[in-house]
Amino acid sequence: GFEQTLTGMTVGIDSRNDIPEGIATLGAFMGYSHSHIGFDRGGHGSVGSYSLGGYASWEHESGFYLDGIVKLNRFESNVAGKMSSGGAANGSYRSNGLGGHIETGMRFTDGNWNLTPYASLTG
């Protein structure tokens, strides 16, 4: 078996602005997370992740909206493995990540109900 702990925090700031015929929101965030895993048979590993990103949202008074987010990550990974033969297999590496999401849709509301068809793309 194994035991894993994960901790992290993200902080950010944004600004909501009334614009002609709608609302625009712009924001930025940064974060850090750390995961540690230990195995019953003696190995362990960890991953630290630093992130930075931004997002924007626009909603027209008609209910049409467009949202987008982009995020950059820096990963720092370490592993100390124990092979079945008793030998050690150790390593560490760094890598970068880039991700994003865009979504558009239309919000329909009438008193007690809300319907929001949308399309999105994540990469």
PDB file of N, CA and C in Angstrom:
ATOM      1  N   GLY A   1       0.810  -1.177   0.000  1.00  0.00           N
ATOM      2  CA  GLY A   1       0.000   0.000   0.000  1.00  0.00           C
ATOM      3  C   GLY A   1       0.856   1.244   0.000  1.00  0.00           C
ATOM      4  N   PHE A   2       0.185   2.349   0.117  1.00  0.00           N
ATOM      5  CA  PHE A   2       0.880   3.631   0.135  1.00  0.00           C
ATOM      6  C   PHE A   2       0.088   4.639   0.953  1.00  0.00           C
ATOM      7  N   GLU A   3       0.760   5.726   1.280  1.00  0.00           N
ATOM      8  CA  GLU A   3       0.125   6.845   1.966  1.00  0.00           C
ATOM      9  C   GLU A   3       0.513   8.117   1.229  1.00  0.00           C
ATOM     10  N   GLN A   4      -0.465   8.979   0.976  1.00  0.00           N
ATOM     11  CA  GLN A   4      -0.204  10.206   0.242  1.00  0.00           C
ATOM     12  C   GLN A   4      -0.800  11.402   0.975  1.00  0.00           C
ATOM     13  N   THR A   5      -0.055  12.493   0.990  1.00  0.00           N
ATOM     14  CA  THR A   5      -0.570  13.761   1.509  1.00  0.00           C
ATOM     15  C   THR A   5      -0.457  14.814   0.413  1.00  0.00           C
ATOM     16  N   LEU A   6      -1.423  15.691   0.373  1.00  0.00           N
ATOM     17  CA  LEU A   6      -1.442  16.761  -0.616  1.00  0.00           C
ATOM     18  C   LEU A   6      -1.850  18.050   0.081  1.00  0.00           C
ATOM     19  N   THR A   7      -1.042  19.071  -0.066  1.00  0.00           N
ATOM     20  CA  THR A   7      -1.359  20.385   0.486  1.00  0.00           C
ATOM     21  C   THR A   7      -1.164  21.431  -0.607  1.00  0.00           C
ATOM     22  N   GLY A   8      -1.841  22.531  -0.472  1.00  0.00           N
ATOM     23  CA  GLY A   8      -1.675  23.586  -1.460  1.00  0.00           C
ATOM     24  C   GLY A   8      -2.517  24.796  -1.144  1.00  0.00           C
ATOM     25  N   MET A   9      -2.243  25.850  -1.868  1.00  0.00           N
ATOM     26  CA  MET A   9      -2.992  27.082  -1.698  1.00  0.00           C
ATOM     27  C   MET A   9      -2.908  27.880  -2.996  1.00  0.00           C
ATOM     28  N   THR A  10      -4.002  28.523  -3.340  1.00  0.00           N
ATOM     29  CA  THR A  10      -4.054  29.434  -4.480  1.00  0.00           C
ATOM     30  C   THR A  10      -4.648  30.754  -4.006  1.00  0.00           C
ATOM     31  N   VAL A  11      -4.033  31.850  -4.391  1.00  0.00           N
ATOM     32  CA  VAL A  11      -4.549  33.180  -4.069  1.00  0.00           C
ATOM     33  C   VAL A  11      -4.689  33.962  -5.371  1.00  0.00           C
ATOM     34  N   GLY A  12      -5.624  34.881  -5.377  1.00  0.00           N
ATOM     35  CA  GLY A  12      -5.831  35.655  -6.589  1.00  0.00           C
ATOM     36  C   GLY A  12      -6.556  36.949  -6.324  1.00  0.00           C
ATOM     37  N   ILE A  13      -6.698  37.695  -7.376  1.00  0.00           N
ATOM     38  CA  ILE A  13      -7.400  38.968  -7.310  1.00  0.00           C
ATOM     39  C   ILE A  13      -8.126  39.158  -8.631  1.00  0.00           C
ATOM     40  N   ASP A  14      -9.301  39.761  -8.566  1.00  0.00           N
ATOM     41  CA  ASP A  14      -9.995  40.066  -9.807  1.00  0.00           C
ATOM     42  C   ASP A  14     -10.761  41.369  -9.689  1.00  0.00           C
ATOM     43  N   SER A  15     -11.218  41.828 -10.829  1.00  0.00           N
ATOM     44  CA  SER A  15     -11.948  43.084 -10.915  1.00  0.00           C
ATOM     45  C   SER A  15     -13.166  42.878 -11.800  1.00  0.00           C
ATOM     46  N   ARG A  16     -14.330  43.177 -11.257  1.00  0.00           N
ATOM     47  CA  ARG A  16     -15.573  43.081 -12.016  1.00  0.00           C
ATOM     48  C   ARG A  16     -15.948  44.492 -12.459  1.00  0.00           C
ATOM     49  N   ASN A  17     -16.224  44.640 -13.741  1.00  0.00           N
ATOM     50  CA  ASN A  17     -16.487  45.960 -14.298  1.00  0.00           C
ATOM     51  C   ASN A  17     -17.776  45.968 -15.101  1.00  0.00           C
ATOM     52  N   ASP A  18     -18.628  46.924 -14.809  1.00  0.00           N
ATOM     53  CA  ASP A  18     -19.814  47.127 -15.635  1.00  0.00           C
ATOM     54  C   ASP A  18     -19.378  47.825 -16.916  1.00  0.00           C
ATOM     55  N   ILE A  19     -19.774  47.252 -18.038  1.00  0.00           N
ATOM     56  CA  ILE A  19     -19.460  47.832 -19.339  1.00  0.00           C
ATOM     57  C   ILE A  19     -20.777  47.999 -20.089  1.00  0.00           C
ATOM     58  N   PRO A  20     -20.785  48.761 -21.172  1.00  0.00           N
ATOM     59  CA  PRO A  20     -22.040  48.903 -21.914  1.00  0.00           C
ATOM     60  C   PRO A  20     -22.617  47.535 -22.292  1.00  0.00           C
ATOM     61  N   GLU A  21     -23.837  47.300 -21.910  1.00  0.00           N
ATOM     62  CA  GLU A  21     -24.595  46.090 -22.234  1.00  0.00           C
ATOM     63  C   GLU A  21     -24.045  44.820 -21.599  1.00  0.00           C
ATOM     64  N   GLY A  22     -23.273  44.927 -20.508  1.00  0.00           N
ATOM     65  CA  GLY A  22     -22.789  43.701 -19.896  1.00  0.00           C
ATOM     66  C   GLY A  22     -21.838  43.908 -18.732  1.00  0.00           C
ATOM     67  N   ILE A  23     -21.150  42.823 -18.395  1.00  0.00           N
ATOM     68  CA  ILE A  23     -20.204  42.798 -17.278  1.00  0.00           C
ATOM     69  C   ILE A  23     -18.928  42.103 -17.752  1.00  0.00           C
ATOM     70  N   ALA A  24     -17.773  42.662 -17.403  1.00  0.00           N
ATOM     71  CA  ALA A  24     -16.480  42.049 -17.713  1.00  0.00           C
ATOM     72  C   ALA A  24     -15.718  41.833 -16.411  1.00  0.00           C
ATOM     73  N   THR A  25     -15.089  40.686 -16.298  1.00  0.00           N
ATOM     74  CA  THR A  25     -14.269  40.363 -15.130  1.00  0.00           C
ATOM     75  C   THR A  25     -12.889  39.936 -15.607  1.00  0.00           C
ATOM     76  N   LEU A  26     -11.852  40.490 -14.997  1.00  0.00           N
ATOM     77  CA  LEU A  26     -10.467  40.113 -15.269  1.00  0.00           C
ATOM     78  C   LEU A  26      -9.819  39.721 -13.956  1.00  0.00           C
ATOM     79  N   GLY A  27      -8.989  38.678 -13.990  1.00  0.00           N
ATOM     80  CA  GLY A  27      -8.348  38.252 -12.763  1.00  0.00           C
ATOM     81  C   GLY A  27      -7.017  37.563 -12.995  1.00  0.00           C
ATOM     82  N   ALA A  28      -6.271  37.423 -11.915  1.00  0.00           N
ATOM     83  CA  ALA A  28      -4.981  36.736 -11.932  1.00  0.00           C
ATOM     84  C   ALA A  28      -4.850  35.932 -10.645  1.00  0.00           C
ATOM     85  N   PHE A  29      -4.074  34.858 -10.710  1.00  0.00           N
ATOM     86  CA  PHE A  29      -3.888  34.013  -9.536  1.00  0.00           C
ATOM     87  C   PHE A  29      -2.513  33.369  -9.564  1.00  0.00           C
ATOM     88  N   MET A  30      -2.074  32.914  -8.394  1.00  0.00           N
ATOM     89  CA  MET A  30      -0.838  32.144  -8.277  1.00  0.00           C
ATOM     90  C   MET A  30      -1.042  31.126  -7.163  1.00  0.00           C
ATOM     91  N   GLY A  31      -0.293  30.045  -7.247  1.00  0.00           N
ATOM     92  CA  GLY A  31      -0.484  29.012  -6.247  1.00  0.00           C
ATOM     93  C   GLY A  31       0.723  28.111  -6.097  1.00  0.00           C
ATOM     94  N   TYR A  32       0.657  27.299  -5.079  1.00  0.00           N
ATOM     95  CA  TYR A  32       1.674  26.289  -4.804  1.00  0.00           C
ATOM     96  C   TYR A  32       0.969  25.066  -4.236  1.00  0.00           C
ATOM     97  N   SER A  33       1.410  23.894  -4.658  1.00  0.00           N
ATOM     98  CA  SER A  33       0.917  22.659  -4.051  1.00  0.00           C
ATOM     99  C   SER A  33       2.082  21.682  -3.922  1.00  0.00           C
ATOM    100  N   HIS A  34       1.944  20.770  -2.971  1.00  0.00           N
ATOM    101  CA  HIS A  34       2.977  19.768  -2.731  1.00  0.00           C
ATOM    102  C   HIS A  34       2.309  18.446  -2.408  1.00  0.00           C
ATOM    103  N   SER A  35       2.777  17.404  -3.053  1.00  0.00           N
ATOM    104  CA  SER A  35       2.266  16.060  -2.806  1.00  0.00           C
ATOM    105  C   SER A  35       3.431  15.160  -2.409  1.00  0.00           C
ATOM    106  N   HIS A  36       3.228  14.380  -1.374  1.00  0.00           N
ATOM    107  CA  HIS A  36       4.229  13.410  -0.936  1.00  0.00           C
ATOM    108  C   HIS A  36       3.565  12.046  -0.855  1.00  0.00           C
ATOM    109  N   ILE A  37       4.259  11.038  -1.355  1.00  0.00           N
ATOM    110  CA  ILE A  37       3.730   9.682  -1.311  1.00  0.00           C
ATOM    111  C   ILE A  37       4.807   8.749  -0.767  1.00  0.00           C
ATOM    112  N   GLY A  38       4.410   7.889   0.149  1.00  0.00           N
ATOM    113  CA  GLY A  38       5.309   6.895   0.722  1.00  0.00           C
ATOM    114  C   GLY A  38       4.727   5.504   0.517  1.00  0.00           C
ATOM    115  N   PHE A  39       5.579   4.563   0.153  1.00  0.00           N
ATOM    116  CA  PHE A  39       5.152   3.190  -0.108  1.00  0.00           C
ATOM    117  C   PHE A  39       5.567   2.269   1.029  1.00  0.00           C
ATOM    118  N   ASP A  40       4.734   1.288   1.323  1.00  0.00           N
ATOM    119  CA  ASP A  40       4.996   0.351   2.413  1.00  0.00           C
ATOM    120  C   ASP A  40       6.327  -0.371   2.254  1.00  0.00           C
ATOM    121  N   ARG A  41       6.753  -0.613   1.047  1.00  0.00           N
ATOM    122  CA  ARG A  41       7.982  -1.381   0.828  1.00  0.00           C
ATOM    123  C   ARG A  41       9.229  -0.509   0.736  1.00  0.00           C
ATOM    124  N   GLY A  42       9.108   0.765   1.105  1.00  0.00           N
ATOM    125  CA  GLY A  42      10.313   1.571   1.260  1.00  0.00           C
ATOM    126  C   GLY A  42      10.560   2.705   0.303  1.00  0.00           C
ATOM    127  N   GLY A  43       9.817   2.881  -0.740  1.00  0.00           N
ATOM    128  CA  GLY A  43      10.061   4.002  -1.641  1.00  0.00           C
ATOM    129  C   GLY A  43       9.221   5.207  -1.257  1.00  0.00           C
ATOM    130  N   HIS A  44       9.607   6.361  -1.799  1.00  0.00           N
ATOM    131  CA  HIS A  44       8.809   7.565  -1.590  1.00  0.00           C
ATOM    132  C   HIS A  44       9.068   8.546  -2.729  1.00  0.00           C
ATOM    133  N   GLY A  45       8.188   9.514  -2.864  1.00  0.00           N
ATOM    134  CA  GLY A  45       8.337  10.523  -3.900  1.00  0.00           C
ATOM    135  C   GLY A  45       7.575  11.775  -3.541  1.00  0.00           C
ATOM    136  N   SER A  46       7.853  12.844  -4.285  1.00  0.00           N
ATOM    137  CA  SER A  46       7.153  14.103  -4.050  1.00  0.00           C
ATOM    138  C   SER A  46       7.077  14.902  -5.344  1.00  0.00           C
ATOM    139  N   VAL A  47       6.067  15.749  -5.412  1.00  0.00           N
ATOM    140  CA  VAL A  47       5.908  16.681  -6.526  1.00  0.00           C
ATOM    141  C   VAL A  47       5.503  18.030  -5.951  1.00  0.00           C
ATOM    142  N   GLY A  48       6.254  19.056  -6.293  1.00  0.00           N
ATOM    143  CA  GLY A  48       5.888  20.427  -5.961  1.00  0.00           C
ATOM    144  C   GLY A  48       5.455  21.131  -7.233  1.00  0.00           C
ATOM    145  N   SER A  49       4.428  21.951  -7.155  1.00  0.00           N
ATOM    146  CA  SER A  49       3.916  22.650  -8.327  1.00  0.00           C
ATOM    147  C   SER A  49       3.705  24.124  -8.003  1.00  0.00           C
ATOM    148  N   TYR A  50       4.335  24.986  -8.782  1.00  0.00           N
ATOM    149  CA  TYR A  50       4.132  26.427  -8.698  1.00  0.00           C
ATOM    150  C   TYR A  50       3.274  26.828  -9.896  1.00  0.00           C
ATOM    151  N   SER A  51       2.262  27.654  -9.681  1.00  0.00           N
ATOM    152  CA  SER A  51       1.381  28.022 -10.787  1.00  0.00           C
ATOM    153  C   SER A  51       1.137  29.526 -10.831  1.00  0.00           C
ATOM    154  N   LEU A  52       0.837  29.991 -12.035  1.00  0.00           N
ATOM    155  CA  LEU A  52       0.529  31.388 -12.289  1.00  0.00           C
ATOM    156  C   LEU A  52      -0.472  31.420 -13.435  1.00  0.00           C
ATOM    157  N   GLY A  53      -1.508  32.228 -13.308  1.00  0.00           N
ATOM    158  CA  GLY A  53      -2.499  32.251 -14.371  1.00  0.00           C
ATOM    159  C   GLY A  53      -3.345  33.500 -14.380  1.00  0.00           C
ATOM    160  N   GLY A  54      -4.191  33.558 -15.389  1.00  0.00           N
ATOM    161  CA  GLY A  54      -5.114  34.671 -15.527  1.00  0.00           C
ATOM    162  C   GLY A  54      -6.411  34.203 -16.151  1.00  0.00           C
ATOM    163  N   TYR A  55      -7.463  34.974 -15.949  1.00  0.00           N
ATOM    164  CA  TYR A  55      -8.760  34.614 -16.511  1.00  0.00           C
ATOM    165  C   TYR A  55      -9.546  35.869 -16.864  1.00  0.00           C
ATOM    166  N   ALA A  56     -10.495  35.687 -17.757  1.00  0.00           N
ATOM    167  CA  ALA A  56     -11.369  36.775 -18.176  1.00  0.00           C
ATOM    168  C   ALA A  56     -12.759  36.214 -18.419  1.00  0.00           C
ATOM    169  N   SER A  57     -13.753  37.035 -18.151  1.00  0.00           N
ATOM    170  CA  SER A  57     -15.141  36.641 -18.364  1.00  0.00           C
ATOM    171  C   SER A  57     -15.915  37.846 -18.875  1.00  0.00           C
ATOM    172  N   TRP A  58     -16.789  37.593 -19.831  1.00  0.00           N
ATOM    173  CA  TRP A  58     -17.645  38.647 -20.354  1.00  0.00           C
ATOM    174  C   TRP A  58     -19.048  38.096 -20.472  1.00  0.00           C
ATOM    175  N   GLU A  59     -20.012  38.828 -19.931  1.00  0.00           N
ATOM    176  CA  GLU A  59     -21.409  38.416 -20.039  1.00  0.00           C
ATOM    177  C   GLU A  59     -22.237  39.582 -20.557  1.00  0.00           C
ATOM    178  N   HIS A  60     -22.922  39.331 -21.666  1.00  0.00           N
ATOM    179  CA  HIS A  60     -23.810  40.323 -22.257  1.00  0.00           C
ATOM    180  C   HIS A  60     -25.133  40.292 -21.513  1.00  0.00           C
ATOM    181  N   GLU A  61     -25.829  41.409 -21.480  1.00  0.00           N
ATOM    182  CA  GLU A  61     -27.114  41.459 -20.775  1.00  0.00           C
ATOM    183  C   GLU A  61     -28.151  40.507 -21.370  1.00  0.00           C
ATOM    184  N   SER A  62     -27.940  40.036 -22.595  1.00  0.00           N
ATOM    185  CA  SER A  62     -28.847  39.067 -23.218  1.00  0.00           C
ATOM    186  C   SER A  62     -28.698  37.667 -22.629  1.00  0.00           C
ATOM    187  N   GLY A  63     -27.595  37.430 -21.890  1.00  0.00           N
ATOM    188  CA  GLY A  63     -27.315  36.114 -21.333  1.00  0.00           C
ATOM    189  C   GLY A  63     -26.164  35.406 -22.020  1.00  0.00           C
ATOM    190  N   PHE A  64     -25.715  35.900 -23.176  1.00  0.00           N
ATOM    191  CA  PHE A  64     -24.562  35.316 -23.859  1.00  0.00           C
ATOM    192  C   PHE A  64     -23.312  35.591 -23.037  1.00  0.00           C
ATOM    193  N   TYR A  65     -22.418  34.599 -22.928  1.00  0.00           N
ATOM    194  CA  TYR A  65     -21.187  34.807 -22.161  1.00  0.00           C
ATOM    195  C   TYR A  65     -20.009  34.114 -22.826  1.00  0.00           C
ATOM    196  N   LEU A  66     -18.819  34.557 -22.456  1.00  0.00           N
ATOM    197  CA  LEU A  66     -17.561  33.987 -22.915  1.00  0.00           C
ATOM    198  C   LEU A  66     -16.588  34.026 -21.744  1.00  0.00           C
ATOM    199  N   ASP A  67     -16.026  32.874 -21.387  1.00  0.00           N
ATOM    200  CA  ASP A  67     -15.068  32.758 -20.285  1.00  0.00           C
ATOM    201  C   ASP A  67     -13.777  32.140 -20.803  1.00  0.00           C
ATOM    202  N   GLY A  68     -12.643  32.566 -20.267  1.00  0.00           N
ATOM    203  CA  GLY A  68     -11.367  31.975 -20.636  1.00  0.00           C
ATOM    204  C   GLY A  68     -10.401  31.992 -19.467  1.00  0.00           C
ATOM    205  N   ILE A  69      -9.507  31.001 -19.442  1.00  0.00           N
ATOM    206  CA  ILE A  69      -8.489  30.915 -18.395  1.00  0.00           C
ATOM    207  C   ILE A  69      -7.230  30.309 -19.000  1.00  0.00           C
ATOM    208  N   VAL A  70      -6.079  30.768 -18.537  1.00  0.00           N
ATOM    209  CA  VAL A  70      -4.799  30.182 -18.922  1.00  0.00           C
ATOM    210  C   VAL A  70      -3.954  30.030 -17.656  1.00  0.00           C
ATOM    211  N   LYS A  71      -3.200  28.927 -17.583  1.00  0.00           N
ATOM    212  CA  LYS A  71      -2.416  28.631 -16.380  1.00  0.00           C
ATOM    213  C   LYS A  71      -1.068  28.032 -16.773  1.00  0.00           C
ATOM    214  N   LEU A  72      -0.010  28.536 -16.159  1.00  0.00           N
ATOM    215  CA  LEU A  72       1.346  28.009 -16.319  1.00  0.00           C
ATOM    216  C   LEU A  72       1.743  27.298 -15.035  1.00  0.00           C
ATOM    217  N   ASN A  73       2.411  26.156 -15.161  1.00  0.00           N
ATOM    218  CA  ASN A  73       2.891  25.410 -13.997  1.00  0.00           C
ATOM    219  C   ASN A  73       4.369  25.091 -14.144  1.00  0.00           C
ATOM    220  N   ARG A  74       5.034  25.017 -13.013  1.00  0.00           N
ATOM    221  CA  ARG A  74       6.403  24.508 -12.919  1.00  0.00           C
ATOM    222  C   ARG A  74       6.356  23.369 -11.915  1.00  0.00           C
ATOM    223  N   PHE A  75       6.707  22.162 -12.364  1.00  0.00           N
ATOM    224  CA  PHE A  75       6.679  20.973 -11.515  1.00  0.00           C
ATOM    225  C   PHE A  75       8.100  20.572 -11.147  1.00  0.00           C
ATOM    226  N   GLU A  76       8.291  20.226  -9.874  1.00  0.00           N
ATOM    227  CA  GLU A  76       9.571  19.713  -9.391  1.00  0.00           C
ATOM    228  C   GLU A  76       9.300  18.372  -8.734  1.00  0.00           C
ATOM    229  N   SER A  77       9.818  17.305  -9.342  1.00  0.00           N
ATOM    230  CA  SER A  77       9.505  15.945  -8.905  1.00  0.00           C
ATOM    231  C   SER A  77      10.752  15.218  -8.421  1.00  0.00           C
ATOM    232  N   ASN A  78      10.582  14.416  -7.381  1.00  0.00           N
ATOM    233  CA  ASN A  78      11.654  13.588  -6.829  1.00  0.00           C
ATOM    234  C   ASN A  78      11.090  12.216  -6.503  1.00  0.00           C
ATOM    235  N   VAL A  79      11.886  11.189  -6.754  1.00  0.00           N
ATOM    236  CA  VAL A  79      11.470   9.834  -6.403  1.00  0.00           C
ATOM    237  C   VAL A  79      12.678   9.073  -5.862  1.00  0.00           C
ATOM    238  N   ALA A  80      12.429   8.299  -4.828  1.00  0.00           N
ATOM    239  CA  ALA A  80      13.437   7.405  -4.259  1.00  0.00           C
ATOM    240  C   ALA A  80      12.770   6.038  -4.183  1.00  0.00           C
ATOM    241  N   GLY A  81      13.030   5.226  -5.186  1.00  0.00           N
ATOM    242  CA  GLY A  81      12.389   3.920  -5.267  1.00  0.00           C
ATOM    243  C   GLY A  81      13.261   2.815  -4.715  1.00  0.00           C
ATOM    244  N   LYS A  82      12.621   1.751  -4.314  1.00  0.00           N
ATOM    245  CA  LYS A  82      13.325   0.565  -3.840  1.00  0.00           C
ATOM    246  C   LYS A  82      12.926  -0.584  -4.753  1.00  0.00           C
ATOM    247  N   MET A  83      13.889  -1.125  -5.459  1.00  0.00           N
ATOM    248  CA  MET A  83      13.638  -2.199  -6.417  1.00  0.00           C
ATOM    249  C   MET A  83      13.421  -3.513  -5.673  1.00  0.00           C
ATOM    250  N   SER A  84      12.758  -4.448  -6.321  1.00  0.00           N
ATOM    251  CA  SER A  84      12.505  -5.747  -5.693  1.00  0.00           C
ATOM    252  C   SER A  84      13.804  -6.500  -5.414  1.00  0.00           C
ATOM    253  N   SER A  85      14.877  -6.166  -6.134  1.00  0.00           N
ATOM    254  CA  SER A  85      16.176  -6.791  -5.897  1.00  0.00           C
ATOM    255  C   SER A  85      16.898  -6.179  -4.701  1.00  0.00           C
ATOM    256  N   GLY A  86      16.322  -5.085  -4.149  1.00  0.00           N
ATOM    257  CA  GLY A  86      16.937  -4.422  -3.006  1.00  0.00           C
ATOM    258  C   GLY A  86      17.706  -3.174  -3.373  1.00  0.00           C
ATOM    259  N   GLY A  87      17.950  -2.959  -4.652  1.00  0.00           N
ATOM    260  CA  GLY A  87      18.678  -1.772  -5.091  1.00  0.00           C
ATOM    261  C   GLY A  87      17.811  -0.524  -5.068  1.00  0.00           C
ATOM    262  N   ALA A  88      18.469   0.618  -5.236  1.00  0.00           N
ATOM    263  CA  ALA A  88      17.771   1.905  -5.233  1.00  0.00           C
ATOM    264  C   ALA A  88      17.586   2.412  -6.660  1.00  0.00           C
ATOM    265  N   ALA A  89      16.495   3.105  -6.880  1.00  0.00           N
ATOM    266  CA  ALA A  89      16.224   3.780  -8.150  1.00  0.00           C
ATOM    267  C   ALA A  89      15.758   5.193  -7.806  1.00  0.00           C
ATOM    268  N   ASN A  90      16.670   6.143  -7.919  1.00  0.00           N
ATOM    269  CA  ASN A  90      16.378   7.516  -7.523  1.00  0.00           C
ATOM    270  C   ASN A  90      16.380   8.439  -8.731  1.00  0.00           C
ATOM    271  N   GLY A  91      15.612   9.502  -8.646  1.00  0.00           N
ATOM    272  CA  GLY A  91      15.605  10.474  -9.727  1.00  0.00           C
ATOM    273  C   GLY A  91      14.898  11.745  -9.327  1.00  0.00           C
ATOM    274  N   SER A  92      15.216  12.799 -10.055  1.00  0.00           N
ATOM    275  CA  SER A  92      14.506  14.061  -9.876  1.00  0.00           C
ATOM    276  C   SER A  92      14.488  14.768 -11.224  1.00  0.00           C
ATOM    277  N   TYR A  93      13.429  15.496 -11.459  1.00  0.00           N
ATOM    278  CA  TYR A  93      13.326  16.234 -12.708  1.00  0.00           C
ATOM    279  C   TYR A  93      12.384  17.417 -12.530  1.00  0.00           C
ATOM    280  N   ARG A  94      12.503  18.342 -13.467  1.00  0.00           N
ATOM    281  CA  ARG A  94      11.641  19.522 -13.494  1.00  0.00           C
ATOM    282  C   ARG A  94      10.953  19.561 -14.849  1.00  0.00           C
ATOM    283  N   SER A  95       9.727  20.032 -14.854  1.00  0.00           N
ATOM    284  CA  SER A  95       8.992  20.158 -16.107  1.00  0.00           C
ATOM    285  C   SER A  95       8.027  21.330 -16.009  1.00  0.00           C
ATOM    286  N   ASN A  96       7.587  21.779 -17.160  1.00  0.00           N
ATOM    287  CA  ASN A  96       6.652  22.891 -17.233  1.00  0.00           C
ATOM    288  C   ASN A  96       5.328  22.408 -17.801  1.00  0.00           C
ATOM    289  N   GLY A  97       4.270  23.107 -17.450  1.00  0.00           N
ATOM    290  CA  GLY A  97       2.952  22.790 -17.980  1.00  0.00           C
ATOM    291  C   GLY A  97       2.224  24.059 -18.378  1.00  0.00           C
ATOM    292  N   LEU A  98       1.390  23.948 -19.385  1.00  0.00           N
ATOM    293  CA  LEU A  98       0.565  25.052 -19.850  1.00  0.00           C
ATOM    294  C   LEU A  98      -0.821  24.503 -20.117  1.00  0.00           C
ATOM    295  N   GLY A  99      -1.827  25.153 -19.585  1.00  0.00           N
ATOM    296  CA  GLY A  99      -3.195  24.705 -19.809  1.00  0.00           C
ATOM    297  C   GLY A  99      -4.119  25.884 -20.013  1.00  0.00           C
ATOM    298  N   GLY A 100      -5.253  25.592 -20.610  1.00  0.00           N
ATOM    299  CA  GLY A 100      -6.223  26.643 -20.832  1.00  0.00           C
ATOM    300  C   GLY A 100      -7.616  26.080 -21.001  1.00  0.00           C
ATOM    301  N   HIS A 101      -8.583  26.958 -20.889  1.00  0.00           N
ATOM    302  CA  HIS A 101      -9.984  26.575 -21.042  1.00  0.00           C
ATOM    303  C   HIS A 101     -10.737  27.772 -21.599  1.00  0.00           C
ATOM    304  N   ILE A 102     -11.615  27.527 -22.548  1.00  0.00           N
ATOM    305  CA  ILE A 102     -12.491  28.565 -23.071  1.00  0.00           C
ATOM    306  C   ILE A 102     -13.902  27.999 -23.136  1.00  0.00           C
ATOM    307  N   GLU A 103     -14.860  28.831 -22.784  1.00  0.00           N
ATOM    308  CA  GLU A 103     -16.258  28.390 -22.763  1.00  0.00           C
ATOM    309  C   GLU A 103     -17.151  29.525 -23.225  1.00  0.00           C
ATOM    310  N   THR A 104     -18.150  29.186 -24.014  1.00  0.00           N
ATOM    311  CA  THR A 104     -19.150  30.156 -24.432  1.00  0.00           C
ATOM    312  C   THR A 104     -20.525  29.524 -24.322  1.00  0.00           C
ATOM    313  N   GLY A 105     -21.496  30.332 -24.040  1.00  0.00           N
ATOM    314  CA  GLY A 105     -22.842  29.801 -23.893  1.00  0.00           C
ATOM    315  C   GLY A 105     -23.871  30.908 -23.786  1.00  0.00           C
ATOM    316  N   MET A 106     -25.081  30.487 -23.486  1.00  0.00           N
ATOM    317  CA  MET A 106     -26.207  31.410 -23.367  1.00  0.00           C
ATOM    318  C   MET A 106     -27.025  31.019 -22.152  1.00  0.00           C
ATOM    319  N   ARG A 107     -27.226  31.966 -21.238  1.00  0.00           N
ATOM    320  CA  ARG A 107     -28.027  31.711 -20.036  1.00  0.00           C
ATOM    321  C   ARG A 107     -29.464  32.160 -20.282  1.00  0.00           C
ATOM    322  N   PHE A 108     -30.375  31.221 -20.080  1.00  0.00           N
ATOM    323  CA  PHE A 108     -31.802  31.520 -20.169  1.00  0.00           C
ATOM    324  C   PHE A 108     -32.390  31.373 -18.773  1.00  0.00           C
ATOM    325  N   THR A 109     -33.040  32.415 -18.275  1.00  0.00           N
ATOM    326  CA  THR A 109     -33.657  32.358 -16.951  1.00  0.00           C
ATOM    327  C   THR A 109     -35.082  32.883 -17.035  1.00  0.00           C
ATOM    328  N   ASP A 110     -35.922  32.311 -16.196  1.00  0.00           N
ATOM    329  CA  ASP A 110     -37.314  32.759 -16.116  1.00  0.00           C
ATOM    330  C   ASP A 110     -37.845  32.401 -14.737  1.00  0.00           C
ATOM    331  N   GLY A 111     -37.693  33.318 -13.815  1.00  0.00           N
ATOM    332  CA  GLY A 111     -38.216  33.079 -12.475  1.00  0.00           C
ATOM    333  C   GLY A 111     -37.491  31.978 -11.735  1.00  0.00           C
ATOM    334  N   ASN A 112     -38.085  30.784 -11.680  1.00  0.00           N
ATOM    335  CA  ASN A 112     -37.552  29.686 -10.870  1.00  0.00           C
ATOM    336  C   ASN A 112     -36.655  28.717 -11.620  1.00  0.00           C
ATOM    337  N   TRP A 113     -36.405  28.920 -12.897  1.00  0.00           N
ATOM    338  CA  TRP A 113     -35.569  27.966 -13.622  1.00  0.00           C
ATOM    339  C   TRP A 113     -34.470  28.690 -14.395  1.00  0.00           C
ATOM    340  N   ASN A 114     -33.459  27.910 -14.731  1.00  0.00           N
ATOM    341  CA  ASN A 114     -32.294  28.421 -15.435  1.00  0.00           C
ATOM    342  C   ASN A 114     -31.814  27.332 -16.388  1.00  0.00           C
ATOM    343  N   LEU A 115     -31.580  27.672 -17.641  1.00  0.00           N
ATOM    344  CA  LEU A 115     -31.066  26.741 -18.643  1.00  0.00           C
ATOM    345  C   LEU A 115     -29.861  27.401 -19.303  1.00  0.00           C
ATOM    346  N   THR A 116     -28.718  26.678 -19.349  1.00  0.00           N
ATOM    347  CA  THR A 116     -27.493  27.250 -19.903  1.00  0.00           C
ATOM    348  C   THR A 116     -26.813  26.268 -20.852  1.00  0.00           C
ATOM    349  N   PRO A 117     -27.192  26.256 -22.129  1.00  0.00           N
ATOM    350  CA  PRO A 117     -26.424  25.451 -23.086  1.00  0.00           C
ATOM    351  C   PRO A 117     -25.068  26.130 -23.331  1.00  0.00           C
ATOM    352  N   TYR A 118     -24.023  25.315 -23.470  1.00  0.00           N
ATOM    353  CA  TYR A 118     -22.690  25.884 -23.645  1.00  0.00           C
ATOM    354  C   TYR A 118     -21.812  24.932 -24.440  1.00  0.00           C
ATOM    355  N   ALA A 119     -20.693  25.451 -24.909  1.00  0.00           N
ATOM    356  CA  ALA A 119     -19.643  24.665 -25.561  1.00  0.00           C
ATOM    357  C   ALA A 119     -18.324  25.108 -24.947  1.00  0.00           C
ATOM    358  N   SER A 120     -17.417  24.149 -24.756  1.00  0.00           N
ATOM    359  CA  SER A 120     -16.132  24.502 -24.155  1.00  0.00           C
ATOM    360  C   SER A 120     -15.019  23.660 -24.750  1.00  0.00           C
ATOM    361  N   LEU A 121     -13.812  24.153 -24.588  1.00  0.00           N
ATOM    362  CA  LEU A 121     -12.611  23.477 -25.063  1.00  0.00           C
ATOM    363  C   LEU A 121     -11.540  23.632 -23.994  1.00  0.00           C
ATOM    364  N   THR A 122     -10.916  22.525 -23.627  1.00  0.00           N
ATOM    365  CA  THR A 122      -9.863  22.520 -22.614  1.00  0.00           C
ATOM    366  C   THR A 122      -8.614  21.879 -23.202  1.00  0.00           C
ATOM    367  N   GLY A 123      -7.476  22.464 -22.919  1.00  0.00           N
ATOM    368  CA  GLY A 123      -6.236  21.891 -23.427  1.00  0.00           C
ATOM    369  C   GLY A 123      -5.075  22.191 -22.524  1.00  0.00           C
TER     370      GLY A 123
END
